[in-house]
């Protein structure tokens, strides 16, 4: 095997435009591409600035209903500041909580996909 990185993670959504507004407008990710893929389908890809791994906001996988993704972890340098920004934007956030691996909070996107917002790991972890 010669795998070098994770390229994409697909997140199932019901409305790509609403999801794009959330991931770009609320979370502050960059819009990498938004292209037609055929009749009634779009490729919507978002990512943190400079990241190697992106997220595709997908509607076409019958085995992945909207809201079925849980555990996407987004790292931030300012977990408390970002929690406050999310709450001001109307996002229900649980936390922050402390764990041996660092400080984190959880929230859902508009479809109910579960996201973890994690601060940097403590020194020595």
PDB file of N, CA and C in Angstrom:
ATOM      1  N   UNK A   1       0.842  -1.184   0.000  1.00  0.00           N
ATOM      2  CA  UNK A   1       0.000   0.000   0.000  1.00  0.00           C
ATOM      3  C   UNK A   1       0.884   1.244   0.000  1.00  0.00           C
ATOM      4  N   UNK A   2       0.437   2.245  -0.733  1.00  0.00           N
ATOM      5  CA  UNK A   2       1.183   3.499  -0.829  1.00  0.00           C
ATOM      6  C   UNK A   2       0.301   4.691  -0.498  1.00  0.00           C
ATOM      7  N   UNK A   3      -0.563   4.541   0.469  1.00  0.00           N
ATOM      8  CA  UNK A   3      -1.477   5.615   0.861  1.00  0.00           C
ATOM      9  C   UNK A   3      -0.670   6.720   1.531  1.00  0.00           C
ATOM     10  N   UNK A   4      -0.892   7.965   1.104  1.00  0.00           N
ATOM     11  CA  UNK A   4      -0.124   9.086   1.642  1.00  0.00           C
ATOM     12  C   UNK A   4      -0.951  10.088   2.433  1.00  0.00           C
ATOM     13  N   UNK A   5      -2.270  10.085   2.263  1.00  0.00           N
ATOM     14  CA  UNK A   5      -3.104  11.028   3.008  1.00  0.00           C
ATOM     15  C   UNK A   5      -4.568  10.669   2.825  1.00  0.00           C
ATOM     16  N   UNK A   6      -5.415  11.275   3.635  1.00  0.00           N
ATOM     17  CA  UNK A   6      -6.859  11.185   3.445  1.00  0.00           C
ATOM     18  C   UNK A   6      -7.244  12.385   2.587  1.00  0.00           C
ATOM     19  N   UNK A   7      -7.800  12.130   1.432  1.00  0.00           N
ATOM     20  CA  UNK A   7      -8.140  13.201   0.496  1.00  0.00           C
ATOM     21  C   UNK A   7      -9.475  13.850   0.831  1.00  0.00           C
ATOM     22  N   UNK A   8     -10.531  13.028   0.995  1.00  0.00           N
ATOM     23  CA  UNK A   8     -11.876  13.546   1.190  1.00  0.00           C
ATOM     24  C   UNK A   8     -12.621  12.765   2.255  1.00  0.00           C
ATOM     25  N   UNK A   9     -13.522  13.452   2.926  1.00  0.00           N
ATOM     26  CA  UNK A   9     -14.493  12.834   3.810  1.00  0.00           C
ATOM     27  C   UNK A   9     -15.851  13.308   3.320  1.00  0.00           C
ATOM     28  N   UNK A  10     -16.754  12.368   3.060  1.00  0.00           N
ATOM     29  CA  UNK A  10     -18.088  12.729   2.588  1.00  0.00           C
ATOM     30  C   UNK A  10     -19.033  12.892   3.767  1.00  0.00           C
ATOM     31  N   UNK A  11     -19.751  14.004   3.789  1.00  0.00           N
ATOM     32  CA  UNK A  11     -20.746  14.280   4.820  1.00  0.00           C
ATOM     33  C   UNK A  11     -22.106  14.349   4.130  1.00  0.00           C
ATOM     34  N   UNK A  12     -23.050  13.474   4.524  1.00  0.00           N
ATOM     35  CA  UNK A  12     -24.347  13.424   3.854  1.00  0.00           C
ATOM     36  C   UNK A  12     -25.285  14.546   4.320  1.00  0.00           C
ATOM     37  N   UNK A  13     -25.805  15.284   3.353  1.00  0.00           N
ATOM     38  CA  UNK A  13     -26.687  16.416   3.649  1.00  0.00           C
ATOM     39  C   UNK A  13     -27.945  16.324   2.790  1.00  0.00           C
ATOM     40  N   UNK A  14     -28.979  17.025   3.204  1.00  0.00           N
ATOM     41  CA  UNK A  14     -30.224  17.027   2.433  1.00  0.00           C
ATOM     42  C   UNK A  14     -30.285  18.196   1.458  1.00  0.00           C
ATOM     43  N   UNK A  15     -29.609  19.276   1.775  1.00  0.00           N
ATOM     44  CA  UNK A  15     -29.661  20.500   0.973  1.00  0.00           C
ATOM     45  C   UNK A  15     -28.241  21.046   0.877  1.00  0.00           C
ATOM     46  N   UNK A  16     -27.621  20.899  -0.273  1.00  0.00           N
ATOM     47  CA  UNK A  16     -26.211  21.313  -0.414  1.00  0.00           C
ATOM     48  C   UNK A  16     -26.019  22.813  -0.224  1.00  0.00           C
ATOM     49  N   UNK A  17     -26.952  23.612  -0.655  1.00  0.00           N
ATOM     50  CA  UNK A  17     -26.803  25.070  -0.507  1.00  0.00           C
ATOM     51  C   UNK A  17     -26.832  25.458   0.972  1.00  0.00           C
ATOM     52  N   UNK A  18     -27.777  24.906   1.723  1.00  0.00           N
ATOM     53  CA  UNK A  18     -27.856  25.187   3.156  1.00  0.00           C
ATOM     54  C   UNK A  18     -26.592  24.681   3.859  1.00  0.00           C
ATOM     55  N   UNK A  19     -26.138  23.484   3.495  1.00  0.00           N
ATOM     56  CA  UNK A  19     -24.931  22.925   4.099  1.00  0.00           C
ATOM     57  C   UNK A  19     -23.714  23.784   3.760  1.00  0.00           C
ATOM     58  N   UNK A  20     -23.615  24.215   2.513  1.00  0.00           N
ATOM     59  CA  UNK A  20     -22.491  25.074   2.105  1.00  0.00           C
ATOM     60  C   UNK A  20     -22.502  26.360   2.918  1.00  0.00           C
ATOM     61  N   UNK A  21     -23.667  26.969   3.095  1.00  0.00           N
ATOM     62  CA  UNK A  21     -23.767  28.187   3.909  1.00  0.00           C
ATOM     63  C   UNK A  21     -23.262  27.943   5.332  1.00  0.00           C
ATOM     64  N   UNK A  22     -23.593  26.774   5.901  1.00  0.00           N
ATOM     65  CA  UNK A  22     -23.159  26.458   7.264  1.00  0.00           C
ATOM     66  C   UNK A  22     -21.653  26.223   7.331  1.00  0.00           C
ATOM     67  N   UNK A  23     -21.142  25.355   6.463  1.00  0.00           N
ATOM     68  CA  UNK A  23     -19.726  24.995   6.529  1.00  0.00           C
ATOM     69  C   UNK A  23     -18.814  26.162   6.132  1.00  0.00           C
ATOM     70  N   UNK A  24     -19.257  26.986   5.204  1.00  0.00           N
ATOM     71  CA  UNK A  24     -18.454  28.141   4.791  1.00  0.00           C
ATOM     72  C   UNK A  24     -18.788  29.367   5.648  1.00  0.00           C
ATOM     73  N   UNK A  25     -20.060  29.718   5.721  1.00  0.00           N
ATOM     74  CA  UNK A  25     -20.465  30.937   6.421  1.00  0.00           C
ATOM     75  C   UNK A  25     -20.344  30.857   7.926  1.00  0.00           C
ATOM     76  N   UNK A  26     -20.759  29.749   8.524  1.00  0.00           N
ATOM     77  CA  UNK A  26     -20.739  29.625   9.980  1.00  0.00           C
ATOM     78  C   UNK A  26     -19.412  29.073  10.494  1.00  0.00           C
ATOM     79  N   UNK A  27     -18.928  27.994   9.879  1.00  0.00           N
ATOM     80  CA  UNK A  27     -17.672  27.387  10.358  1.00  0.00           C
ATOM     81  C   UNK A  27     -16.428  28.062   9.798  1.00  0.00           C
ATOM     82  N   UNK A  28     -16.576  28.817   8.722  1.00  0.00           N
ATOM     83  CA  UNK A  28     -15.432  29.539   8.167  1.00  0.00           C
ATOM     84  C   UNK A  28     -14.519  28.718   7.277  1.00  0.00           C
ATOM     85  N   UNK A  29     -15.000  27.550   6.803  1.00  0.00           N
ATOM     86  CA  UNK A  29     -14.187  26.772   5.873  1.00  0.00           C
ATOM     87  C   UNK A  29     -14.184  27.444   4.504  1.00  0.00           C
ATOM     88  N   UNK A  30     -13.176  27.141   3.717  1.00  0.00           N
ATOM     89  CA  UNK A  30     -13.096  27.677   2.354  1.00  0.00           C
ATOM     90  C   UNK A  30     -13.922  26.819   1.408  1.00  0.00           C
ATOM     91  N   UNK A  31     -14.551  27.442   0.442  1.00  0.00           N
ATOM     92  CA  UNK A  31     -15.215  26.716  -0.629  1.00  0.00           C
ATOM     93  C   UNK A  31     -14.141  26.343  -1.640  1.00  0.00           C
ATOM     94  N   UNK A  32     -13.872  25.055  -1.776  1.00  0.00           N
ATOM     95  CA  UNK A  32     -12.838  24.571  -2.697  1.00  0.00           C
ATOM     96  C   UNK A  32     -13.404  24.482  -4.106  1.00  0.00           C
ATOM     97  N   UNK A  33     -14.602  23.866  -4.221  1.00  0.00           N
ATOM     98  CA  UNK A  33     -15.278  23.830  -5.518  1.00  0.00           C
ATOM     99  C   UNK A  33     -16.756  23.599  -5.334  1.00  0.00           C
ATOM    100  N   UNK A  34     -17.507  24.110  -6.292  1.00  0.00           N
ATOM    101  CA  UNK A  34     -18.958  23.913  -6.369  1.00  0.00           C
ATOM    102  C   UNK A  34     -19.268  23.784  -7.849  1.00  0.00           C
ATOM    103  N   UNK A  35     -19.315  22.526  -8.326  1.00  0.00           N
ATOM    104  CA  UNK A  35     -19.460  22.265  -9.750  1.00  0.00           C
ATOM    105  C   UNK A  35     -20.633  21.325 -10.008  1.00  0.00           C
ATOM    106  N   UNK A  36     -21.307  21.512 -11.148  1.00  0.00           N
ATOM    107  CA  UNK A  36     -22.330  20.538 -11.531  1.00  0.00           C
ATOM    108  C   UNK A  36     -21.677  19.191 -11.832  1.00  0.00           C
ATOM    109  N   UNK A  37     -22.405  18.114 -11.498  1.00  0.00           N
ATOM    110  CA  UNK A  37     -21.914  16.757 -11.749  1.00  0.00           C
ATOM    111  C   UNK A  37     -22.814  16.019 -12.727  1.00  0.00           C
ATOM    112  N   UNK A  38     -23.868  16.609 -13.137  1.00  0.00           N
ATOM    113  CA  UNK A  38     -24.848  15.947 -13.990  1.00  0.00           C
ATOM    114  C   UNK A  38     -26.217  16.475 -13.621  1.00  0.00           C
ATOM    115  N   UNK A  39     -27.241  15.824 -14.123  1.00  0.00           N
ATOM    116  CA  UNK A  39     -28.591  16.298 -13.821  1.00  0.00           C
ATOM    117  C   UNK A  39     -28.869  16.305 -12.313  1.00  0.00           C
ATOM    118  N   UNK A  40     -29.198  17.463 -11.806  1.00  0.00           N
ATOM    119  CA  UNK A  40     -29.609  17.628 -10.407  1.00  0.00           C
ATOM    120  C   UNK A  40     -28.558  17.187  -9.389  1.00  0.00           C
ATOM    121  N   UNK A  41     -27.276  17.217  -9.743  1.00  0.00           N
ATOM    122  CA  UNK A  41     -26.224  16.888  -8.785  1.00  0.00           C
ATOM    123  C   UNK A  41     -25.106  17.917  -8.866  1.00  0.00           C
ATOM    124  N   UNK A  42     -24.508  18.167  -7.694  1.00  0.00           N
ATOM    125  CA  UNK A  42     -23.384  19.101  -7.605  1.00  0.00           C
ATOM    126  C   UNK A  42     -22.278  18.464  -6.784  1.00  0.00           C
ATOM    127  N   UNK A  43     -21.065  18.876  -7.080  1.00  0.00           N
ATOM    128  CA  UNK A  43     -19.908  18.525  -6.262  1.00  0.00           C
ATOM    129  C   UNK A  43     -19.595  19.761  -5.440  1.00  0.00           C
ATOM    130  N   UNK A  44     -19.865  19.693  -4.134  1.00  0.00           N
ATOM    131  CA  UNK A  44     -19.586  20.810  -3.231  1.00  0.00           C
ATOM    132  C   UNK A  44     -18.513  20.337  -2.262  1.00  0.00           C
ATOM    133  N   UNK A  45     -17.371  21.004  -2.314  1.00  0.00           N
ATOM    134  CA  UNK A  45     -16.206  20.616  -1.513  1.00  0.00           C
ATOM    135  C   UNK A  45     -15.731  21.813  -0.704  1.00  0.00           C
ATOM    136  N   UNK A  46     -15.526  21.596   0.593  1.00  0.00           N
ATOM    137  CA  UNK A  46     -15.060  22.643   1.500  1.00  0.00           C
ATOM    138  C   UNK A  46     -13.871  22.116   2.284  1.00  0.00           C
ATOM    139  N   UNK A  47     -13.050  23.042   2.809  1.00  0.00           N
ATOM    140  CA  UNK A  47     -11.881  22.628   3.588  1.00  0.00           C
ATOM    141  C   UNK A  47     -11.373  23.802   4.408  1.00  0.00           C
ATOM    142  N   UNK A  48     -10.698  23.526   5.513  1.00  0.00           N
ATOM    143  CA  UNK A  48      -9.994  24.597   6.208  1.00  0.00           C
ATOM    144  C   UNK A  48      -8.907  25.162   5.287  1.00  0.00           C
ATOM    145  N   UNK A  49      -8.600  26.418   5.434  1.00  0.00           N
ATOM    146  CA  UNK A  49      -7.568  27.048   4.606  1.00  0.00           C
ATOM    147  C   UNK A  49      -6.267  26.254   4.689  1.00  0.00           C
ATOM    148  N   UNK A  50      -5.726  25.887   3.542  1.00  0.00           N
ATOM    149  CA  UNK A  50      -4.452  25.195   3.465  1.00  0.00           C
ATOM    150  C   UNK A  50      -4.470  23.719   3.832  1.00  0.00           C
ATOM    151  N   UNK A  51      -5.637  23.168   4.124  1.00  0.00           N
ATOM    152  CA  UNK A  51      -5.718  21.759   4.547  1.00  0.00           C
ATOM    153  C   UNK A  51      -5.514  20.808   3.374  1.00  0.00           C
ATOM    154  N   UNK A  52      -4.994  19.623   3.655  1.00  0.00           N
ATOM    155  CA  UNK A  52      -4.850  18.588   2.637  1.00  0.00           C
ATOM    156  C   UNK A  52      -6.122  17.759   2.494  1.00  0.00           C
ATOM    157  N   UNK A  53      -6.912  17.687   3.554  1.00  0.00           N
ATOM    158  CA  UNK A  53      -8.138  16.899   3.534  1.00  0.00           C
ATOM    159  C   UNK A  53      -9.331  17.826   3.421  1.00  0.00           C
ATOM    160  N   UNK A  54     -10.274  17.463   2.541  1.00  0.00           N
ATOM    161  CA  UNK A  54     -11.468  18.281   2.325  1.00  0.00           C
ATOM    162  C   UNK A  54     -12.713  17.478   2.692  1.00  0.00           C
ATOM    163  N   UNK A  55     -13.828  18.173   2.738  1.00  0.00           N
ATOM    164  CA  UNK A  55     -15.138  17.582   3.008  1.00  0.00           C
ATOM    165  C   UNK A  55     -15.996  17.781   1.778  1.00  0.00           C
ATOM    166  N   UNK A  56     -16.650  16.717   1.323  1.00  0.00           N
ATOM    167  CA  UNK A  56     -17.646  16.851   0.262  1.00  0.00           C
ATOM    168  C   UNK A  56     -19.021  16.762   0.909  1.00  0.00           C
ATOM    169  N   UNK A  57     -19.890  17.649   0.501  1.00  0.00           N
ATOM    170  CA  UNK A  57     -21.265  17.691   1.007  1.00  0.00           C
ATOM    171  C   UNK A  57     -22.121  16.952  -0.005  1.00  0.00           C
ATOM    172  N   UNK A  58     -22.470  15.695   0.324  1.00  0.00           N
ATOM    173  CA  UNK A  58     -23.051  14.780  -0.652  1.00  0.00           C
ATOM    174  C   UNK A  58     -24.539  14.539  -0.409  1.00  0.00           C
ATOM    175  N   UNK A  59     -25.241  14.272  -1.524  1.00  0.00           N
ATOM    176  CA  UNK A  59     -26.673  13.972  -1.464  1.00  0.00           C
ATOM    177  C   UNK A  59     -27.011  12.678  -2.176  1.00  0.00           C
ATOM    178  N   UNK A  60     -26.047  12.004  -2.751  1.00  0.00           N
ATOM    179  CA  UNK A  60     -26.337  10.926  -3.689  1.00  0.00           C
ATOM    180  C   UNK A  60     -26.034   9.517  -3.195  1.00  0.00           C
ATOM    181  N   UNK A  61     -25.699   9.313  -1.950  1.00  0.00           N
ATOM    182  CA  UNK A  61     -25.422   7.970  -1.447  1.00  0.00           C
ATOM    183  C   UNK A  61     -26.624   7.456  -0.655  1.00  0.00           C
ATOM    184  N   UNK A  62     -27.388   6.506  -1.199  1.00  0.00           N
ATOM    185  CA  UNK A  62     -28.549   5.997  -0.468  1.00  0.00           C
ATOM    186  C   UNK A  62     -28.181   5.374   0.881  1.00  0.00           C
ATOM    187  N   UNK A  63     -26.975   4.843   1.002  1.00  0.00           N
ATOM    188  CA  UNK A  63     -26.561   4.220   2.260  1.00  0.00           C
ATOM    189  C   UNK A  63     -26.084   5.244   3.290  1.00  0.00           C
ATOM    190  N   UNK A  64     -26.065   6.528   2.916  1.00  0.00           N
ATOM    191  CA  UNK A  64     -25.631   7.593   3.826  1.00  0.00           C
ATOM    192  C   UNK A  64     -26.732   8.652   3.908  1.00  0.00           C
ATOM    193  N   UNK A  65     -27.768   8.426   4.713  1.00  0.00           N
ATOM    194  CA  UNK A  65     -28.814   9.435   4.806  1.00  0.00           C
ATOM    195  C   UNK A  65     -28.306  10.705   5.495  1.00  0.00           C
ATOM    196  N   UNK A  66     -28.882  11.850   5.155  1.00  0.00           N
ATOM    197  CA  UNK A  66     -28.482  13.093   5.812  1.00  0.00           C
ATOM    198  C   UNK A  66     -28.530  12.945   7.334  1.00  0.00           C
ATOM    199  N   UNK A  67     -27.493  13.428   7.978  1.00  0.00           N
ATOM    200  CA  UNK A  67     -27.417  13.379   9.427  1.00  0.00           C
ATOM    201  C   UNK A  67     -26.789  12.122   9.985  1.00  0.00           C
ATOM    202  N   UNK A  68     -26.359  11.205   9.135  1.00  0.00           N
ATOM    203  CA  UNK A  68     -25.827   9.930   9.622  1.00  0.00           C
ATOM    204  C   UNK A  68     -24.334   9.959   9.940  1.00  0.00           C
ATOM    205  N   UNK A  69     -23.659  11.050   9.643  1.00  0.00           N
ATOM    206  CA  UNK A  69     -22.231  11.150   9.943  1.00  0.00           C
ATOM    207  C   UNK A  69     -22.049  11.638  11.382  1.00  0.00           C
ATOM    208  N   UNK A  70     -21.230  10.933  12.132  1.00  0.00           N
ATOM    209  CA  UNK A  70     -20.940  11.309  13.523  1.00  0.00           C
ATOM    210  C   UNK A  70     -19.437  11.228  13.737  1.00  0.00           C
ATOM    211  N   UNK A  71     -18.896  12.176  14.477  1.00  0.00           N
ATOM    212  CA  UNK A  71     -17.501  12.080  14.870  1.00  0.00           C
ATOM    213  C   UNK A  71     -16.504  12.810  13.991  1.00  0.00           C
ATOM    214  N   UNK A  72     -16.968  13.670  13.081  1.00  0.00           N
ATOM    215  CA  UNK A  72     -16.030  14.498  12.325  1.00  0.00           C
ATOM    216  C   UNK A  72     -15.370  15.449  13.330  1.00  0.00           C
ATOM    217  N   UNK A  73     -14.049  15.431  13.409  1.00  0.00           N
ATOM    218  CA  UNK A  73     -13.323  16.263  14.375  1.00  0.00           C
ATOM    219  C   UNK A  73     -12.631  17.390  13.636  1.00  0.00           C
ATOM    220  N   UNK A  74     -12.945  18.612  14.030  1.00  0.00           N
ATOM    221  CA  UNK A  74     -12.306  19.812  13.487  1.00  0.00           C
ATOM    222  C   UNK A  74     -11.452  20.414  14.589  1.00  0.00           C
ATOM    223  N   UNK A  75     -10.178  20.629  14.312  1.00  0.00           N
ATOM    224  CA  UNK A  75      -9.287  21.201  15.325  1.00  0.00           C
ATOM    225  C   UNK A  75      -9.226  22.705  15.176  1.00  0.00           C
ATOM    226  N   UNK A  76      -9.176  23.390  16.311  1.00  0.00           N
ATOM    227  CA  UNK A  76      -9.082  24.836  16.350  1.00  0.00           C
ATOM    228  C   UNK A  76      -8.005  25.252  17.347  1.00  0.00           C
ATOM    229  N   UNK A  77      -7.425  26.396  17.123  1.00  0.00           N
ATOM    230  CA  UNK A  77      -6.451  26.940  18.065  1.00  0.00           C
ATOM    231  C   UNK A  77      -7.145  27.661  19.218  1.00  0.00           C
ATOM    232  N   UNK A  78      -8.457  27.953  19.081  1.00  0.00           N
ATOM    233  CA  UNK A  78      -9.195  28.725  20.091  1.00  0.00           C
ATOM    234  C   UNK A  78     -10.566  28.099  20.315  1.00  0.00           C
ATOM    235  N   UNK A  79     -10.607  26.978  21.025  1.00  0.00           N
ATOM    236  CA  UNK A  79     -11.867  26.260  21.204  1.00  0.00           C
ATOM    237  C   UNK A  79     -12.903  27.133  21.917  1.00  0.00           C
ATOM    238  N   UNK A  80     -12.519  27.874  22.944  1.00  0.00           N
ATOM    239  CA  UNK A  80     -13.488  28.695  23.677  1.00  0.00           C
ATOM    240  C   UNK A  80     -14.020  29.843  22.822  1.00  0.00           C
ATOM    241  N   UNK A  81     -13.141  30.506  22.093  1.00  0.00           N
ATOM    242  CA  UNK A  81     -13.578  31.586  21.212  1.00  0.00           C
ATOM    243  C   UNK A  81     -14.489  31.086  20.106  1.00  0.00           C
ATOM    244  N   UNK A  82     -14.159  29.918  19.549  1.00  0.00           N
ATOM    245  CA  UNK A  82     -14.997  29.372  18.483  1.00  0.00           C
ATOM    246  C   UNK A  82     -16.332  28.870  19.008  1.00  0.00           C
ATOM    247  N   UNK A  83     -16.363  28.344  20.221  1.00  0.00           N
ATOM    248  CA  UNK A  83     -17.642  27.958  20.830  1.00  0.00           C
ATOM    249  C   UNK A  83     -18.533  29.190  20.947  1.00  0.00           C
ATOM    250  N   UNK A  84     -17.968  30.275  21.422  1.00  0.00           N
ATOM    251  CA  UNK A  84     -18.755  31.511  21.566  1.00  0.00           C
ATOM    252  C   UNK A  84     -19.252  32.002  20.211  1.00  0.00           C
ATOM    253  N   UNK A  85     -18.408  31.965  19.183  1.00  0.00           N
ATOM    254  CA  UNK A  85     -18.827  32.389  17.844  1.00  0.00           C
ATOM    255  C   UNK A  85     -19.956  31.496  17.317  1.00  0.00           C
ATOM    256  N   UNK A  86     -19.850  30.184  17.535  1.00  0.00           N
ATOM    257  CA  UNK A  86     -20.910  29.271  17.106  1.00  0.00           C
ATOM    258  C   UNK A  86     -22.221  29.578  17.824  1.00  0.00           C
ATOM    259  N   UNK A  87     -22.147  29.797  19.110  1.00  0.00           N
ATOM    260  CA  UNK A  87     -23.368  30.111  19.873  1.00  0.00           C
ATOM    261  C   UNK A  87     -23.990  31.420  19.398  1.00  0.00           C
ATOM    262  N   UNK A  88     -23.173  32.417  19.122  1.00  0.00           N
ATOM    263  CA  UNK A  88     -23.701  33.694  18.599  1.00  0.00           C
ATOM    264  C   UNK A  88     -24.375  33.498  17.249  1.00  0.00           C
ATOM    265  N   UNK A  89     -23.917  32.498  16.487  1.00  0.00           N
ATOM    266  CA  UNK A  89     -24.518  32.196  15.187  1.00  0.00           C
ATOM    267  C   UNK A  89     -25.757  31.311  15.322  1.00  0.00           C
ATOM    268  N   UNK A  90     -26.138  30.984  16.560  1.00  0.00           N
ATOM    269  CA  UNK A  90     -27.346  30.205  16.782  1.00  0.00           C
ATOM    270  C   UNK A  90     -27.149  28.703  16.803  1.00  0.00           C
ATOM    271  N   UNK A  91     -25.897  28.243  16.857  1.00  0.00           N
ATOM    272  CA  UNK A  91     -25.617  26.809  16.886  1.00  0.00           C
ATOM    273  C   UNK A  91     -25.653  26.325  18.337  1.00  0.00           C
ATOM    274  N   UNK A  92     -26.378  25.244  18.598  1.00  0.00           N
ATOM    275  CA  UNK A  92     -26.414  24.647  19.933  1.00  0.00           C
ATOM    276  C   UNK A  92     -25.127  23.849  20.137  1.00  0.00           C
ATOM    277  N   UNK A  93     -24.337  24.267  21.099  1.00  0.00           N
ATOM    278  CA  UNK A  93     -23.037  23.639  21.359  1.00  0.00           C
ATOM    279  C   UNK A  93     -23.059  23.025  22.753  1.00  0.00           C
ATOM    280  N   UNK A  94     -22.607  21.784  22.853  1.00  0.00           N
ATOM    281  CA  UNK A  94     -22.438  21.134  24.149  1.00  0.00           C
ATOM    282  C   UNK A  94     -20.975  21.223  24.546  1.00  0.00           C
ATOM    283  N   UNK A  95     -20.735  21.764  25.710  1.00  0.00           N
ATOM    284  CA  UNK A  95     -19.363  21.900  26.187  1.00  0.00           C
ATOM    285  C   UNK A  95     -19.007  23.351  26.372  1.00  0.00           C
ATOM    286  N   UNK A  96     -17.778  23.612  26.664  1.00  0.00           N
ATOM    287  CA  UNK A  96     -16.614  22.751  26.483  1.00  0.00           C
ATOM    288  C   UNK A  96     -16.472  21.709  27.592  1.00  0.00           C
ATOM    289  N   UNK A  97     -15.760  20.662  27.238  1.00  0.00           N
ATOM    290  CA  UNK A  97     -15.444  19.588  28.165  1.00  0.00           C
ATOM    291  C   UNK A  97     -13.938  19.362  28.147  1.00  0.00           C
ATOM    292  N   UNK A  98     -13.457  18.810  29.252  1.00  0.00           N
ATOM    293  CA  UNK A  98     -12.037  18.471  29.360  1.00  0.00           C
ATOM    294  C   UNK A  98     -11.882  16.968  29.208  1.00  0.00           C
ATOM    295  N   UNK A  99     -10.878  16.541  28.495  1.00  0.00           N
ATOM    296  CA  UNK A  99     -10.557  15.128  28.354  1.00  0.00           C
ATOM    297  C   UNK A  99      -9.042  14.996  28.406  1.00  0.00           C
ATOM    298  N   UNK A 100      -8.541  13.799  28.657  1.00  0.00           N
ATOM    299  CA  UNK A 100      -7.080  13.629  28.695  1.00  0.00           C
ATOM    300  C   UNK A 100      -6.404  14.080  27.403  1.00  0.00           C
ATOM    301  N   UNK A 101      -7.126  14.007  26.283  1.00  0.00           N
ATOM    302  CA  UNK A 101      -6.544  14.395  25.000  1.00  0.00           C
ATOM    303  C   UNK A 101      -6.790  15.849  24.646  1.00  0.00           C
ATOM    304  N   UNK A 102      -7.489  16.616  25.514  1.00  0.00           N
ATOM    305  CA  UNK A 102      -7.673  18.041  25.258  1.00  0.00           C
ATOM    306  C   UNK A 102      -9.085  18.535  25.535  1.00  0.00           C
ATOM    307  N   UNK A 103      -9.282  19.791  25.258  1.00  0.00           N
ATOM    308  CA  UNK A 103     -10.554  20.487  25.483  1.00  0.00           C
ATOM    309  C   UNK A 103     -11.368  20.396  24.200  1.00  0.00           C
ATOM    310  N   UNK A 104     -12.684  20.127  24.329  1.00  0.00           N
ATOM    311  CA  UNK A 104     -13.508  19.970  23.132  1.00  0.00           C
ATOM    312  C   UNK A 104     -14.959  20.330  23.409  1.00  0.00           C
ATOM    313  N   UNK A 105     -15.707  20.479  22.325  1.00  0.00           N
ATOM    314  CA  UNK A 105     -17.158  20.713  22.381  1.00  0.00           C
ATOM    315  C   UNK A 105     -17.779  19.960  21.210  1.00  0.00           C
ATOM    316  N   UNK A 106     -19.081  19.725  21.286  1.00  0.00           N
ATOM    317  CA  UNK A 106     -19.769  19.039  20.204  1.00  0.00           C
ATOM    318  C   UNK A 106     -20.970  19.847  19.744  1.00  0.00           C
ATOM    319  N   UNK A 107     -21.309  19.679  18.473  1.00  0.00           N
ATOM    320  CA  UNK A 107     -22.479  20.332  17.894  1.00  0.00           C
ATOM    321  C   UNK A 107     -22.861  19.581  16.631  1.00  0.00           C
ATOM    322  N   UNK A 108     -24.015  19.919  16.086  1.00  0.00           N
ATOM    323  CA  UNK A 108     -24.498  19.296  14.858  1.00  0.00           C
ATOM    324  C   UNK A 108     -24.597  20.325  13.744  1.00  0.00           C
ATOM    325  N   UNK A 109     -24.421  19.863  12.517  1.00  0.00           N
ATOM    326  CA  UNK A 109     -24.705  20.722  11.366  1.00  0.00           C
ATOM    327  C   UNK A 109     -26.232  20.755  11.174  1.00  0.00           C
ATOM    328  N   UNK A 110     -26.740  21.512  10.199  1.00  0.00           N
ATOM    329  CA  UNK A 110     -28.196  21.623  10.042  1.00  0.00           C
ATOM    330  C   UNK A 110     -28.917  20.299   9.779  1.00  0.00           C
ATOM    331  N   UNK A 111     -28.208  19.271   9.309  1.00  0.00           N
ATOM    332  CA  UNK A 111     -28.834  17.975   9.064  1.00  0.00           C
ATOM    333  C   UNK A 111     -28.701  17.016  10.241  1.00  0.00           C
ATOM    334  N   UNK A 112     -27.957  17.402  11.276  1.00  0.00           N
ATOM    335  CA  UNK A 112     -27.759  16.519  12.416  1.00  0.00           C
ATOM    336  C   UNK A 112     -26.480  15.716  12.370  1.00  0.00           C
ATOM    337  N   UNK A 113     -25.603  15.997  11.414  1.00  0.00           N
ATOM    338  CA  UNK A 113     -24.287  15.352  11.397  1.00  0.00           C
ATOM    339  C   UNK A 113     -23.501  15.863  12.604  1.00  0.00           C
ATOM    340  N   UNK A 114     -22.941  14.937  13.394  1.00  0.00           N
ATOM    341  CA  UNK A 114     -22.252  15.309  14.620  1.00  0.00           C
ATOM    342  C   UNK A 114     -20.813  15.728  14.383  1.00  0.00           C
ATOM    343  N   UNK A 115     -20.451  16.871  14.949  1.00  0.00           N
ATOM    344  CA  UNK A 115     -19.112  17.433  14.782  1.00  0.00           C
ATOM    345  C   UNK A 115     -18.494  17.677  16.154  1.00  0.00           C
ATOM    346  N   UNK A 116     -17.206  17.379  16.263  1.00  0.00           N
ATOM    347  CA  UNK A 116     -16.442  17.663  17.477  1.00  0.00           C
ATOM    348  C   UNK A 116     -15.496  18.813  17.148  1.00  0.00           C
ATOM    349  N   UNK A 117     -15.509  19.834  17.979  1.00  0.00           N
ATOM    350  CA  UNK A 117     -14.572  20.946  17.853  1.00  0.00           C
ATOM    351  C   UNK A 117     -13.515  20.741  18.943  1.00  0.00           C
ATOM    352  N   UNK A 118     -12.292  20.481  18.539  1.00  0.00           N
ATOM    353  CA  UNK A 118     -11.230  20.129  19.469  1.00  0.00           C
ATOM    354  C   UNK A 118     -10.152  21.192  19.499  1.00  0.00           C
ATOM    355  N   UNK A 119      -9.724  21.520  20.696  1.00  0.00           N
ATOM    356  CA  UNK A 119      -8.582  22.402  20.856  1.00  0.00           C
ATOM    357  C   UNK A 119      -7.304  21.602  20.658  1.00  0.00           C
ATOM    358  N   UNK A 120      -6.179  22.278  20.658  1.00  0.00           N
ATOM    359  CA  UNK A 120      -4.922  21.553  20.496  1.00  0.00           C
ATOM    360  C   UNK A 120      -4.704  20.604  21.681  1.00  0.00           C
ATOM    361  N   UNK A 121      -4.037  19.485  21.446  1.00  0.00           N
ATOM    362  CA  UNK A 121      -3.772  18.554  22.551  1.00  0.00           C
ATOM    363  C   UNK A 121      -2.839  19.198  23.582  1.00  0.00           C
ATOM    364  N   UNK A 122      -2.984  18.815  24.849  1.00  0.00           N
ATOM    365  CA  UNK A 122      -2.079  19.342  25.861  1.00  0.00           C
ATOM    366  C   UNK A 122      -0.633  18.927  25.557  1.00  0.00           C
ATOM    367  N   UNK A 123       0.298  19.682  26.085  1.00  0.00           N
ATOM    368  CA  UNK A 123       1.717  19.361  25.895  1.00  0.00           C
ATOM    369  C   UNK A 123       1.990  17.949  26.399  1.00  0.00           C
ATOM    370  N   UNK A 124       2.764  17.211  25.647  1.00  0.00           N
ATOM    371  CA  UNK A 124       3.146  15.879  26.049  1.00  0.00           C
ATOM    372  C   UNK A 124       2.166  14.787  25.651  1.00  0.00           C
ATOM    373  N   UNK A 125       1.079  15.162  24.977  1.00  0.00           N
ATOM    374  CA  UNK A 125       0.097  14.149  24.559  1.00  0.00           C
ATOM    375  C   UNK A 125       0.291  13.816  23.105  1.00  0.00           C
TER     376      UNK A 125
END
